[in-house]
Amino acid sequence: MFRFAHPEYLYLLLAAPALVALFAWALYDRRRRLARFGDPATVATLMPDASTGRMKLKFILFTTAVILVILAAARPQFGSKLREQKSEGIEMMLAVDISNSMLAEDFEPNRLERTKYAINKLFDGLEQDRVGVIVFAGDATVQLPITSDYRMAKAFAKRISPSMASVQGTSIGKALSLAVTARNMVATGRPGSREFARIAKRNLRPGGREAAGSSYYWRSDCGIHRSKRWYASVRMHSERTVGFEMTNRENLLANFSADGALLTMQHGAEYENIFACWDWRRIPGTTAYDDGAPIKCSDDADEKRNRSRWVGGLAADGLLCTTMELRRDSLRAVKSNFLFEEIVVAVGADIRNDAPPRELFTTLEQNRLRGEVVAGTSGGRLSIPEERPTGRSFRPGEVQWIHHDGRGYLLLDEQEVRLSTAMQHGKWDPIDPFYRDRADSARIFKCWVEHRCDTAGSYAYAILPCRNAKQTARTAAKRPVELLRNDDACQAVKYGRTVCAVFRRPGSVGAGGLTLRVDAPAVVAIDLRTKRIAASSPCASALNVSLSDGKRRRTASLSLPDGDAMQGATVCGRLK
């Protein structure tokens, strides 16, 4: 190996040709000046000791010396030399699902063992990296902090099992958040503790950066609504989707879980760890029946599917509207939800069951009992203390509102309402067979509307998140929500200056002296102040909307997305 340590000095070698040219000019100038004295041959005889050979030798030696000095300055090097070079690896966190579904044997011997094998193969291929392990099910835990000891990491990975999970589920969001935080903590170290505190706050407690707004997912038949203080989700299913997943004898009671489930949360613990003792026929927001038989648990996709394409919604400007035609077994219903910034309105119509069950009902709420339950009735306020669980039944029109756990429920029409605060018992094995003999009990607040089986039923109620009992009573007295229409063709409400309507066929609805009309099935929301309009449709590709007051007529023509990928997406416009 040959190299120059300072190759930039080699540019000085360009001076050598200049020196040769300068020497050649000097010789020429010498001969020219000697020629002035006389004939060159005569002058040479007069200077016998003069020699140009010695001058040329001196120049060659000088030039060679200069070249050698330049080469020496460039430091030519021969041979090889060992160098120490540092290489840095990466920190990685592995999030491993340890829910009981990982014991499924679709991979031999099961999913969890195959995962452990893959982890060991990964560790064998690492050299300078550091690894950590997080296990998660219903919650997430750091199993192994970040380390470079692969031997210890393999030992920890070998011990992973579903028994490490205190709460079942698949909370991958918690696992990822914990993984990011753990990695960032290692990256910052002690000098960066302040920076780590900022990162942890961003990942675990977003605070002012929390996402707020609404989204509707057409291909999943579900909607998410998030305000600054509370959260709600709507889960449905249609011909496009399957209602629930049931594998490995898990989740055997979920038959009604996608039939319009409407879950609202403020502090996040409303439905925590109560599913063993839940009444799975009375999932909040759903319309269901009780025929005295066990809940269906068939794994046949056709038996779990809602046989209707009319399932959709829109999301715009912090507003979420959802609608579904429920057609399962012998049950029929048309259900819509309108979620505003401060209130949720739920309506249902044309509720019937061709095969008469023992009961037919729509559930307003079912969550953990926290504190007293207060009801505003025609006879005054009724309080049910937490320490005295009981059940109550109210005749149609007898109760106007109910309050529990910082949340109010307004009855917008006259219906037979029942509530319970009793202790409920159950076992975990229908949820997860891993807990074969584990029983659980909890006091549950449960409120539902009863429907008659011999006639088409309906319901209309509102949920007031983040309210105390007094605020609920005042809101109920003001009647902030106007129920414009609730039948099988149209369901519409007016809240403030916003009108939301679901048209299952072309038609119109009156709203405060105005008439809203559409020429195709659609979900429509209009801001009466700005005349801004949002619309979607599960089945139409074009929509004409008009709003008139008898004197002036405003219109809008909207082209709605078509095709499986985008059909049902929200389109916004303005009435002109």
Protein backbone atom coordinates (compact mmCIF):
# COMPACT_ATOMS: atom_id res chain seq x y z
CA MET A 1 0.00 0.00 0.00
CA PHE A 2 1.41 3.40 -1.01
CA ARG A 3 -0.15 6.74 -0.13
CA PHE A 4 0.71 10.38 0.63
CA ALA A 5 -0.34 11.71 4.01
CA HIS A 6 -0.54 15.27 2.59
CA PRO A 7 -1.26 14.96 -1.10
CA GLU A 8 -2.12 18.65 -1.30
CA TYR A 9 1.63 19.49 -1.26
CA LEU A 10 2.08 17.70 -4.59
CA TYR A 11 0.57 20.72 -6.30
CA LEU A 12 3.96 22.43 -5.68
CA LEU A 13 5.52 20.12 -8.31
CA LEU A 14 3.93 22.36 -10.90
CA ALA A 15 6.81 24.77 -10.16
CA ALA A 16 9.37 22.41 -11.72
CA PRO A 17 8.44 23.20 -15.35
CA ALA A 18 8.58 26.90 -14.48
CA LEU A 19 12.13 26.47 -13.13
CA VAL A 20 13.20 24.65 -16.35
CA ALA A 21 11.76 27.43 -18.49
CA LEU A 22 13.48 30.06 -16.37
CA PHE A 23 16.86 28.26 -16.66
CA ALA A 24 16.48 27.91 -20.42
CA TRP A 25 15.82 31.63 -20.76
CA ALA A 26 18.87 32.39 -18.59
CA LEU A 27 21.14 30.36 -20.92
CA TYR A 28 19.68 32.09 -23.95
CA ASP A 29 20.22 35.54 -22.42
CA ARG A 30 23.87 34.65 -21.56
CA ARG A 31 24.66 33.67 -25.13
CA ARG A 32 22.98 36.81 -26.46
CA ARG A 33 25.03 39.11 -24.21
CA LEU A 34 28.35 37.33 -25.04
CA ALA A 35 27.60 37.77 -28.72
CA ARG A 36 27.82 41.54 -28.24
CA PHE A 37 31.58 41.26 -27.55
CA GLY A 38 32.46 39.49 -30.79
CA ASP A 39 32.49 36.25 -32.62
CA PRO A 40 31.38 33.44 -30.29
CA ALA A 41 34.34 31.22 -31.34
CA THR A 42 36.84 34.00 -30.61
CA VAL A 43 35.19 34.79 -27.26
CA ALA A 44 35.29 31.07 -26.29
CA THR A 45 39.11 31.02 -26.85
CA LEU A 46 39.45 34.01 -24.56
CA MET A 47 37.40 32.16 -21.80
CA PRO A 48 38.90 28.64 -21.65
CA ASP A 49 37.70 27.96 -18.09
CA ALA A 50 34.07 28.93 -18.71
CA SER A 51 31.66 25.89 -18.94
CA THR A 52 27.84 25.72 -19.33
CA GLY A 53 27.89 22.01 -18.37
CA ARG A 54 28.59 22.86 -14.74
CA MET A 55 25.67 25.35 -14.76
CA LYS A 56 23.36 22.70 -16.17
CA LEU A 57 24.49 20.18 -13.54
CA LYS A 58 23.91 22.66 -10.74
CA PHE A 59 20.38 23.37 -12.07
CA ILE A 60 19.55 19.69 -12.34
CA LEU A 61 20.73 19.07 -8.79
CA PHE A 62 18.81 22.10 -7.47
CA THR A 63 15.63 21.11 -9.25
CA THR A 64 15.90 17.54 -8.03
CA ALA A 65 16.38 18.78 -4.48
CA VAL A 66 13.29 20.95 -4.72
CA ILE A 67 11.23 18.04 -6.04
CA LEU A 68 12.49 15.76 -3.30
CA VAL A 69 11.67 18.35 -0.63
CA ILE A 70 8.11 18.63 -1.98
CA LEU A 71 7.71 14.85 -2.02
CA ALA A 72 9.04 14.66 1.52
CA ALA A 73 6.58 17.33 2.67
CA ALA A 74 3.73 15.23 1.16
CA ARG A 75 4.85 12.37 3.42
CA PRO A 76 4.81 9.26 1.25
CA GLN A 77 3.76 6.15 3.20
CA PHE A 78 4.22 2.43 2.54
CA GLY A 79 2.73 -0.67 4.28
CA SER A 80 -0.40 -0.87 6.54
CA LYS A 81 -1.48 0.32 9.98
CA LEU A 82 -4.21 -0.90 12.38
CA ARG A 83 -6.73 1.73 13.39
CA GLU A 84 -9.34 1.59 16.18
CA GLN A 85 -12.74 2.64 14.88
CA LYS A 86 -15.83 3.05 17.04
CA SER A 87 -19.25 2.05 15.72
CA GLU A 88 -22.52 2.91 17.44
CA GLY A 89 -25.63 0.70 17.44
CA ILE A 90 -29.24 1.60 18.01
CA GLU A 91 -31.66 1.26 20.89
CA MET A 92 -34.77 -0.77 20.13
CA MET A 93 -37.85 -1.67 22.17
CA LEU A 94 -39.78 -4.84 21.32
CA ALA A 95 -43.51 -4.75 22.12
CA VAL A 96 -44.84 -8.30 22.54
CA ASP A 97 -48.56 -9.13 22.68
CA ILE A 98 -49.22 -11.52 25.59
CA SER A 99 -53.00 -11.62 25.39
CA ASN A 100 -54.52 -15.09 25.36
CA SER A 101 -55.13 -14.84 21.63
CA MET A 102 -51.36 -15.45 21.27
CA LEU A 103 -52.00 -19.04 22.36
CA ALA A 104 -53.86 -19.69 19.12
CA GLU A 105 -52.37 -22.63 17.23
CA ASP A 106 -52.68 -21.31 13.68
CA PHE A 107 -48.85 -21.25 13.89
CA GLU A 108 -47.13 -24.28 15.37
CA PRO A 109 -46.85 -24.73 18.28
CA ASN A 110 -48.68 -21.40 18.86
CA ARG A 111 -48.33 -17.70 18.08
CA LEU A 112 -46.45 -16.85 21.28
CA GLU A 113 -43.81 -19.56 20.91
CA ARG A 114 -43.19 -18.55 17.30
CA THR A 115 -42.78 -14.97 18.48
CA LYS A 116 -40.23 -16.04 21.11
CA TYR A 117 -38.30 -17.95 18.43
CA ALA A 118 -38.24 -14.87 16.19
CA ILE A 119 -37.01 -12.71 19.10
CA ASN A 120 -34.12 -15.12 19.79
CA LYS A 121 -33.12 -15.11 16.13
CA LEU A 122 -33.17 -11.31 16.20
CA PHE A 123 -30.93 -11.19 19.29
CA ASP A 124 -28.45 -13.60 17.64
CA GLY A 125 -27.96 -11.15 14.79
CA LEU A 126 -27.24 -8.10 16.97
CA GLU A 127 -23.76 -6.86 17.83
CA GLN A 128 -23.61 -3.28 19.01
CA ASP A 129 -27.30 -2.57 19.56
CA ARG A 130 -29.21 -2.36 22.82
CA VAL A 131 -32.63 -3.92 23.29
CA GLY A 132 -35.58 -3.79 25.67
CA VAL A 133 -38.85 -5.70 25.90
CA ILE A 134 -42.37 -4.47 26.64
CA VAL A 135 -45.24 -6.91 27.14
CA PHE A 136 -48.83 -5.82 26.70
CA ALA A 137 -52.41 -7.06 26.77
CA GLY A 138 -55.04 -4.80 28.31
CA ASP A 139 -52.14 -2.80 29.75
CA ALA A 140 -48.43 -2.43 28.99
CA THR A 141 -45.41 -3.17 31.22
CA VAL A 142 -41.64 -2.88 30.74
CA GLN A 143 -40.44 -6.48 31.02
CA LEU A 144 -36.78 -5.71 30.29
CA PRO A 145 -35.20 -2.23 30.38
CA ILE A 146 -32.86 -1.38 27.51
CA THR A 147 -29.66 -3.40 27.79
CA SER A 148 -26.73 -4.70 25.72
CA ASP A 149 -26.69 -8.02 27.62
CA TYR A 150 -28.19 -10.32 24.98
CA ARG A 151 -27.89 -13.34 27.24
CA MET A 152 -30.12 -11.75 29.85
CA ALA A 153 -32.47 -10.49 27.14
CA LYS A 154 -32.92 -14.04 25.84
CA ALA A 155 -33.65 -15.28 29.36
CA PHE A 156 -36.32 -12.63 29.85
CA ALA A 157 -37.87 -13.33 26.45
CA LYS A 158 -38.07 -17.03 27.29
CA ARG A 159 -40.22 -16.26 30.37
CA ILE A 160 -42.88 -14.29 28.47
CA SER A 161 -46.38 -15.76 28.97
CA PRO A 162 -50.03 -14.58 29.13
CA SER A 163 -49.97 -15.08 32.92
CA MET A 164 -47.93 -11.87 33.16
CA ALA A 165 -50.97 -9.82 32.08
CA SER A 166 -53.19 -8.53 34.86
CA VAL A 167 -55.78 -7.17 32.42
CA GLN A 168 -56.64 -8.88 29.16
CA GLY A 169 -57.11 -7.04 25.90
CA THR A 170 -54.88 -5.74 23.11
CA SER A 171 -53.82 -2.24 24.08
CA ILE A 172 -51.11 -1.74 21.46
CA GLY A 173 -51.39 2.06 21.80
CA LYS A 174 -50.24 1.91 25.44
CA ALA A 175 -47.37 -0.39 24.46
CA LEU A 176 -46.11 1.90 21.72
CA SER A 177 -46.36 4.98 23.92
CA LEU A 178 -44.45 3.22 26.69
CA ALA A 179 -41.82 2.02 24.22
CA VAL A 180 -41.22 5.52 22.87
CA THR A 181 -40.93 6.90 26.37
CA ALA A 182 -38.49 4.19 27.52
CA ARG A 183 -36.27 4.68 24.47
CA ASN A 184 -36.26 8.43 24.89
CA MET A 185 -35.37 8.10 28.56
CA VAL A 186 -32.26 6.08 27.68
CA ALA A 187 -31.33 8.50 24.91
CA THR A 188 -31.44 11.59 27.12
CA GLY A 189 -29.55 10.25 30.16
CA ARG A 190 -28.98 12.23 33.33
CA PRO A 191 -27.80 15.46 31.63
CA GLY A 192 -30.97 15.46 29.53
CA SER A 193 -33.45 14.84 32.33
CA ARG A 194 -35.30 18.05 31.59
CA GLU A 195 -35.56 17.13 27.92
CA PHE A 196 -36.84 13.68 28.90
CA ALA A 197 -39.53 15.21 31.09
CA ARG A 198 -40.72 17.17 28.06
CA ILE A 199 -40.70 14.06 25.86
CA ALA A 200 -42.57 12.02 28.45
CA LYS A 201 -45.19 14.72 28.80
CA ARG A 202 -45.65 14.78 25.03
CA ASN A 203 -46.00 11.00 24.75
CA LEU A 204 -47.96 10.14 27.87
CA ARG A 205 -49.87 13.30 28.71
CA PRO A 206 -50.32 15.34 25.52
CA GLY A 207 -52.19 18.10 27.35
CA GLY A 208 -52.90 21.01 25.05
CA ARG A 209 -51.73 18.99 22.04
CA GLU A 210 -54.45 16.38 22.46
CA ALA A 211 -56.26 15.59 19.26
CA ALA A 212 -59.78 16.96 19.07
CA GLY A 213 -62.35 16.63 16.35
CA SER A 214 -64.29 13.94 14.56
CA SER A 215 -63.54 11.18 12.09
CA TYR A 216 -65.72 8.65 10.32
CA TYR A 217 -64.18 5.48 8.87
CA TRP A 218 -66.24 4.21 5.97
CA ARG A 219 -64.50 0.88 5.52
CA SER A 220 -64.73 0.08 9.24
CA ASP A 221 -68.27 1.37 9.90
CA CYS A 222 -67.18 3.31 12.95
CA GLY A 223 -66.84 6.92 14.06
CA ILE A 224 -64.68 8.74 16.63
CA HIS A 225 -65.61 12.01 18.29
CA ARG A 226 -63.25 13.80 20.64
CA SER A 227 -63.83 17.13 22.33
CA LYS A 228 -61.52 18.90 24.78
CA ARG A 229 -63.04 17.13 27.82
CA TRP A 230 -64.62 13.88 26.64
CA TYR A 231 -64.52 11.15 24.05
CA ALA A 232 -67.13 9.07 22.23
CA SER A 233 -67.09 6.24 19.72
CA VAL A 234 -69.80 4.72 17.54
CA ARG A 235 -69.38 1.19 16.30
CA MET A 236 -71.59 -0.31 13.59
CA HIS A 237 -71.40 -2.95 10.86
CA SER A 238 -72.93 -3.56 7.44
CA GLU A 239 -72.72 -5.80 4.40
CA ARG A 240 -69.14 -4.54 4.06
CA THR A 241 -67.96 -5.54 7.54
CA VAL A 242 -68.28 -8.28 10.16
CA GLY A 243 -69.75 -7.43 13.54
CA PHE A 244 -67.14 -9.00 15.81
CA GLU A 245 -64.25 -11.46 15.97
CA MET A 246 -64.63 -14.74 17.78
CA THR A 247 -61.68 -17.15 17.73
CA ASN A 248 -60.18 -19.68 20.12
CA ARG A 249 -63.41 -19.68 22.13
CA GLU A 250 -62.78 -16.05 23.04
CA ASN A 251 -65.27 -13.17 22.94
CA LEU A 252 -68.30 -15.49 22.96
CA LEU A 253 -70.74 -12.81 24.15
CA ALA A 254 -70.07 -10.08 21.57
CA ASN A 255 -73.05 -10.79 19.30
CA PHE A 256 -74.58 -7.30 19.79
CA SER A 257 -71.33 -5.35 20.21
CA ALA A 258 -71.44 -3.63 16.79
CA ASP A 259 -75.20 -2.99 16.60
CA GLY A 260 -74.77 0.77 17.08
CA ALA A 261 -72.61 0.75 20.23
CA LEU A 262 -72.20 4.30 21.57
CA LEU A 263 -69.52 4.58 24.27
CA THR A 264 -68.72 7.89 25.98
CA MET A 265 -65.82 8.48 28.34
CA GLN A 266 -64.64 11.38 30.50
CA HIS A 267 -62.12 9.95 32.96
CA GLY A 268 -61.36 6.73 31.06
CA ALA A 269 -62.38 4.20 33.72
CA GLU A 270 -66.09 3.99 32.89
CA TYR A 271 -65.84 0.53 31.32
CA GLU A 272 -62.55 -0.63 32.78
CA ASN A 273 -62.28 -4.33 33.59
CA ILE A 274 -66.05 -4.96 33.97
CA PHE A 275 -66.71 -7.17 30.96
CA ALA A 276 -67.02 -10.37 33.00
CA CYS A 277 -70.06 -8.99 34.78
CA TRP A 278 -71.41 -6.89 31.90
CA ASP A 279 -74.88 -7.51 30.57
CA TRP A 280 -73.83 -8.21 26.99
CA ARG A 281 -77.34 -7.70 25.66
CA ARG A 282 -77.34 -4.15 26.96
CA ILE A 283 -74.26 -2.58 25.41
CA PRO A 284 -74.58 1.25 25.46
CA GLY A 285 -76.19 2.61 22.31
CA THR A 286 -77.35 -0.77 20.95
CA THR A 287 -80.86 -1.98 20.22
CA ALA A 288 -81.15 -5.68 21.11
CA TYR A 289 -83.53 -8.35 22.30
CA ASP A 290 -83.74 -11.04 24.94
CA ASP A 291 -85.46 -14.23 23.78
CA GLY A 292 -84.46 -16.27 26.81
CA ALA A 293 -81.84 -18.25 24.86
CA PRO A 294 -78.05 -17.93 25.32
CA ILE A 295 -76.34 -15.26 23.24
CA LYS A 296 -75.34 -16.57 19.82
CA CYS A 297 -71.66 -17.37 19.46
CA SER A 298 -71.44 -18.76 15.94
CA ASP A 299 -68.21 -18.10 14.06
CA ASP A 300 -70.12 -18.03 10.76
CA ALA A 301 -69.45 -14.61 9.21
CA ASP A 302 -72.89 -14.51 7.58
CA GLU A 303 -74.62 -14.93 10.92
CA LYS A 304 -72.62 -12.03 12.37
CA ARG A 305 -73.20 -9.65 9.45
CA ASN A 306 -75.73 -6.84 9.32
CA ARG A 307 -77.73 -7.40 6.12
CA SER A 308 -77.93 -3.77 5.13
CA ARG A 309 -75.79 -1.41 3.07
CA TRP A 310 -77.35 1.68 4.66
CA VAL A 311 -74.60 2.31 7.21
CA GLY A 312 -72.59 5.51 7.03
CA GLY A 313 -71.79 8.89 8.50
CA LEU A 314 -70.10 12.23 8.09
CA ALA A 315 -67.46 14.12 10.02
CA ALA A 316 -66.83 17.84 9.57
CA ASP A 317 -66.00 20.87 11.73
CA GLY A 318 -65.97 18.91 14.98
CA LEU A 319 -69.33 17.28 14.22
CA LEU A 320 -70.01 13.56 13.80
CA CYS A 321 -73.21 12.06 12.37
CA THR A 322 -73.72 8.31 12.01
CA THR A 323 -76.61 6.21 10.78
CA MET A 324 -77.38 2.53 10.35
CA GLU A 325 -80.21 0.31 9.28
CA LEU A 326 -80.03 -2.69 11.57
CA ARG A 327 -81.21 -5.95 9.99
CA ARG A 328 -80.03 -8.94 12.00
CA ASP A 329 -81.96 -12.09 12.74
CA SER A 330 -85.56 -10.93 13.07
CA LEU A 331 -84.64 -7.49 14.46
CA ARG A 332 -85.19 -4.32 12.43
CA ALA A 333 -84.29 -0.74 13.40
CA VAL A 334 -83.11 2.58 11.98
CA LYS A 335 -80.56 4.27 14.28
CA SER A 336 -78.75 7.62 14.03
CA ASN A 337 -76.38 9.53 16.29
CA PHE A 338 -75.47 13.23 16.20
CA LEU A 339 -72.38 14.17 18.20
CA PHE A 340 -71.78 17.89 18.80
CA GLU A 341 -69.09 19.61 20.86
CA GLU A 342 -71.14 19.58 24.10
CA ILE A 343 -73.89 17.04 23.57
CA VAL A 344 -74.70 13.67 21.96
CA VAL A 345 -78.13 13.01 20.47
CA ALA A 346 -79.25 9.45 19.71
CA VAL A 347 -82.49 8.60 17.89
CA GLY A 348 -84.07 5.38 16.66
CA ALA A 349 -87.19 4.52 14.67
CA ASP A 350 -89.06 1.63 13.10
CA ILE A 351 -87.85 -0.77 15.81
CA ARG A 352 -89.54 -4.15 15.55
CA ASN A 353 -88.89 -7.85 15.87
CA ASP A 354 -90.78 -10.29 13.68
CA ALA A 355 -90.09 -13.15 16.10
CA PRO A 356 -91.42 -11.85 19.42
CA PRO A 357 -88.75 -11.96 22.11
CA ARG A 358 -89.26 -11.64 25.82
CA GLU A 359 -87.86 -8.12 25.72
CA LEU A 360 -86.90 -5.54 23.13
CA PHE A 361 -84.85 -2.55 24.30
CA THR A 362 -82.32 0.19 23.55
CA THR A 363 -79.59 0.81 26.14
CA LEU A 364 -78.60 4.34 27.08
CA GLU A 365 -75.70 3.42 29.34
CA GLN A 366 -74.02 0.58 31.23
CA ASN A 367 -70.86 1.37 33.20
CA ARG A 368 -69.38 1.12 36.67
CA LEU A 369 -71.51 2.58 39.44
CA ARG A 370 -69.73 5.65 40.81
CA GLY A 371 -71.62 7.74 43.35
CA GLU A 372 -75.36 8.30 43.53
CA VAL A 373 -77.83 8.24 40.66
CA VAL A 374 -80.25 11.17 40.41
CA ALA A 375 -83.38 11.23 38.26
CA GLY A 376 -85.57 14.21 37.45
CA THR A 377 -89.15 12.95 37.40
CA SER A 378 -92.57 14.52 37.13
CA GLY A 379 -92.85 14.15 40.91
CA GLY A 380 -89.50 15.79 41.69
CA ARG A 381 -85.91 14.59 42.12
CA LEU A 382 -85.21 10.97 42.98
CA SER A 383 -81.83 10.01 44.45
CA ILE A 384 -80.46 6.48 44.59
CA PRO A 385 -77.43 6.32 46.94
CA GLU A 386 -74.45 4.22 45.86
CA GLU A 387 -74.61 2.14 49.04
CA ARG A 388 -78.22 1.07 48.31
CA PRO A 389 -78.28 -0.57 44.90
CA THR A 390 -81.74 -0.98 43.47
CA GLY A 391 -83.72 -1.00 40.26
CA ARG A 392 -86.45 1.36 39.12
CA SER A 393 -88.98 1.48 36.30
CA PHE A 394 -90.51 4.71 35.00
CA ARG A 395 -93.70 5.02 33.00
CA PRO A 396 -93.62 6.90 29.66
CA GLY A 397 -93.17 10.61 30.36
CA GLU A 398 -92.47 10.12 34.06
CA VAL A 399 -88.71 10.81 33.90
CA GLN A 400 -87.12 13.77 32.06
CA TRP A 401 -83.46 13.28 32.90
CA ILE A 402 -81.01 11.00 34.74
CA HIS A 403 -77.57 11.83 36.12
CA HIS A 404 -74.67 9.54 37.05
CA ASP A 405 -70.89 9.89 37.33
CA GLY A 406 -70.63 13.44 35.97
CA ARG A 407 -72.89 12.79 33.01
CA GLY A 408 -76.53 13.57 32.26
CA TYR A 409 -79.09 11.76 30.10
CA LEU A 410 -82.09 13.64 28.67
CA LEU A 411 -85.21 11.85 27.46
CA LEU A 412 -86.39 13.67 24.33
CA ASP A 413 -89.60 11.70 23.93
CA GLU A 414 -91.92 9.76 26.19
CA GLN A 415 -90.68 6.23 26.68
CA GLU A 416 -90.75 3.55 29.35
CA VAL A 417 -87.36 3.83 31.06
CA ARG A 418 -85.68 1.40 33.44
CA LEU A 419 -82.52 1.73 35.45
CA SER A 420 -80.54 -0.55 37.70
CA THR A 421 -77.68 -0.03 40.14
CA ALA A 422 -77.49 -3.61 41.35
CA MET A 423 -74.52 -5.88 41.79
CA GLN A 424 -73.84 -7.97 38.67
CA HIS A 425 -71.92 -11.24 38.61
CA GLY A 426 -70.16 -13.16 35.88
CA LYS A 427 -67.14 -15.18 34.79
CA TRP A 428 -64.25 -14.34 32.56
CA ASP A 429 -64.09 -17.61 30.63
CA PRO A 430 -66.71 -16.56 27.99
CA ILE A 431 -64.47 -13.53 27.40
CA ASP A 432 -61.19 -15.40 27.64
CA PRO A 433 -60.98 -19.16 28.41
CA PHE A 434 -57.57 -18.64 30.00
CA TYR A 435 -59.42 -17.48 33.14
CA ARG A 436 -61.50 -20.65 33.29
CA ASP A 437 -62.79 -20.44 36.83
CA ARG A 438 -62.31 -16.76 37.60
CA ALA A 439 -65.51 -15.01 38.65
CA ASP A 440 -66.02 -11.28 39.08
CA SER A 441 -68.64 -8.93 40.51
CA ALA A 442 -69.24 -5.21 40.25
CA ARG A 443 -71.96 -2.69 40.89
CA ILE A 444 -73.15 -1.48 37.54
CA PHE A 445 -75.23 1.52 36.51
CA LYS A 446 -77.55 0.45 33.74
CA CYS A 447 -80.26 2.44 32.00
CA TRP A 448 -82.40 1.41 29.02
CA VAL A 449 -85.61 2.12 27.10
CA GLU A 450 -88.19 -0.64 26.73
CA HIS A 451 -89.94 -1.17 23.38
CA ARG A 452 -93.21 -2.91 22.69
CA CYS A 453 -93.05 -6.04 20.59
CA ASP A 454 -96.43 -5.61 18.88
CA THR A 455 -95.74 -2.23 17.25
CA ALA A 456 -92.88 -0.27 15.68
CA GLY A 457 -90.93 1.48 18.42
CA SER A 458 -88.69 4.50 18.65
CA TYR A 459 -86.43 6.37 21.05
CA ALA A 460 -84.75 9.75 21.37
CA TYR A 461 -82.32 10.79 24.07
CA ALA A 462 -79.32 13.04 24.61
CA ILE A 463 -76.11 12.53 26.59
CA LEU A 464 -74.61 15.52 28.42
CA PRO A 465 -70.93 14.82 29.24
CA CYS A 466 -69.13 16.71 32.00
CA ARG A 467 -72.27 17.91 33.82
CA ASN A 468 -73.38 17.68 37.43
CA ALA A 469 -76.97 17.00 38.46
CA LYS A 470 -77.90 20.70 38.72
CA GLN A 471 -76.47 21.47 35.29
CA THR A 472 -78.33 18.48 33.85
CA ALA A 473 -81.61 19.71 35.34
CA ARG A 474 -81.10 23.24 33.96
CA THR A 475 -80.24 21.91 30.51
CA ALA A 476 -83.29 19.64 30.55
CA ALA A 477 -85.50 22.63 31.37
CA LYS A 478 -84.12 24.61 28.42
CA ARG A 479 -84.62 21.73 25.94
CA PRO A 480 -81.60 22.70 23.80
CA VAL A 481 -82.23 19.95 21.25
CA GLU A 482 -85.17 20.11 18.88
CA LEU A 483 -86.23 16.75 17.51
CA LEU A 484 -87.37 17.62 13.99
CA ARG A 485 -88.26 14.17 12.71
CA ASN A 486 -87.74 10.54 13.68
CA ASP A 487 -89.15 7.87 11.39
CA ASP A 488 -87.90 5.24 8.96
CA ALA A 489 -87.50 7.81 6.15
CA CYS A 490 -85.85 10.71 7.99
CA GLN A 491 -84.18 11.39 11.33
CA ALA A 492 -83.27 15.00 12.01
CA VAL A 493 -82.36 17.26 14.94
CA LYS A 494 -81.57 20.93 15.44
CA TYR A 495 -79.00 22.03 18.00
CA GLY A 496 -78.22 25.73 18.17
CA ARG A 497 -77.75 26.94 14.59
CA THR A 498 -76.90 23.47 13.23
CA VAL A 499 -79.35 21.11 11.54
CA CYS A 500 -78.38 17.46 11.07
CA ALA A 501 -80.58 15.14 9.06
CA VAL A 502 -80.44 11.58 7.81
CA PHE A 503 -82.55 10.96 4.70
CA ARG A 504 -82.95 7.32 3.73
CA ARG A 505 -84.83 8.48 0.64
CA PRO A 506 -85.43 11.83 -1.08
CA GLY A 507 -87.55 14.13 1.04
CA SER A 508 -87.69 17.21 3.23
CA VAL A 509 -87.80 18.30 6.86
CA GLY A 510 -88.84 21.56 8.52
CA ALA A 511 -86.42 23.40 10.82
CA GLY A 512 -87.43 26.68 12.51
CA GLY A 513 -89.42 28.10 9.61
CA LEU A 514 -87.01 26.67 7.06
CA THR A 515 -87.41 23.65 4.80
CA LEU A 516 -84.47 21.40 4.06
CA ARG A 517 -84.86 19.22 0.98
CA VAL A 518 -82.65 16.60 -0.72
CA ASP A 519 -83.09 14.63 -3.93
CA ALA A 520 -81.12 11.51 -2.90
CA PRO A 521 -80.48 9.41 0.23
CA ALA A 522 -77.83 11.19 2.29
CA VAL A 523 -76.54 12.35 5.66
CA VAL A 524 -76.56 16.16 5.76
CA ALA A 525 -75.37 18.79 8.25
CA ILE A 526 -75.98 22.52 7.70
CA ASP A 527 -74.78 25.52 9.67
CA LEU A 528 -77.70 27.97 9.37
CA ARG A 529 -75.44 30.91 10.16
CA THR A 530 -72.69 30.36 7.58
CA LYS A 531 -74.74 28.20 5.19
CA ARG A 532 -71.88 25.72 5.17
CA ILE A 533 -73.00 22.20 4.31
CA ALA A 534 -71.43 18.75 4.80
CA ALA A 535 -72.86 15.59 3.28
CA SER A 536 -72.17 11.93 2.64
CA SER A 537 -74.10 8.95 1.38
CA PRO A 538 -73.66 5.18 1.52
CA CYS A 539 -75.31 4.76 -1.86
CA ALA A 540 -75.63 8.04 -3.82
CA SER A 541 -73.01 9.64 -6.09
CA ALA A 542 -74.64 13.06 -6.49
CA LEU A 543 -76.77 15.21 -4.22
CA ASN A 544 -78.80 18.39 -4.64
CA VAL A 545 -79.69 20.21 -1.43
CA SER A 546 -81.99 23.19 -0.97
CA LEU A 547 -82.92 25.35 2.01
CA SER A 548 -85.86 27.72 1.70
CA ASP A 549 -87.86 30.02 3.98
CA GLY A 550 -90.78 30.53 1.59
CA LYS A 551 -89.25 33.67 0.07
CA ARG A 552 -85.70 32.71 -0.76
CA ARG A 553 -84.27 29.39 -1.78
CA ARG A 554 -80.60 28.47 -1.39
CA THR A 555 -79.17 25.43 -3.17
CA ALA A 556 -76.02 23.35 -3.40
CA SER A 557 -75.04 20.59 -5.82
CA LEU A 558 -72.50 18.11 -4.46
CA SER A 559 -70.61 15.38 -6.24
CA LEU A 560 -70.21 12.53 -3.77
CA PRO A 561 -67.33 10.04 -3.88
CA ASP A 562 -68.09 6.77 -5.61
CA GLY A 563 -66.46 3.34 -5.48
CA ASP A 564 -65.55 1.09 -2.59
CA ALA A 565 -62.46 3.07 -1.64
CA MET A 566 -64.04 6.48 -1.07
CA GLN A 567 -67.81 6.01 -1.16
CA GLY A 568 -69.31 7.38 2.02
CA ALA A 569 -66.61 10.01 2.55
CA THR A 570 -67.68 13.50 3.62
CA VAL A 571 -67.97 16.31 1.09
CA CYS A 572 -68.27 19.96 2.14
CA GLY A 573 -69.74 22.93 0.32
CA ARG A 574 -71.86 26.05 0.78
CA LEU A 575 -75.46 26.91 -0.02
CA LYS A 576 -75.78 29.66 -2.64
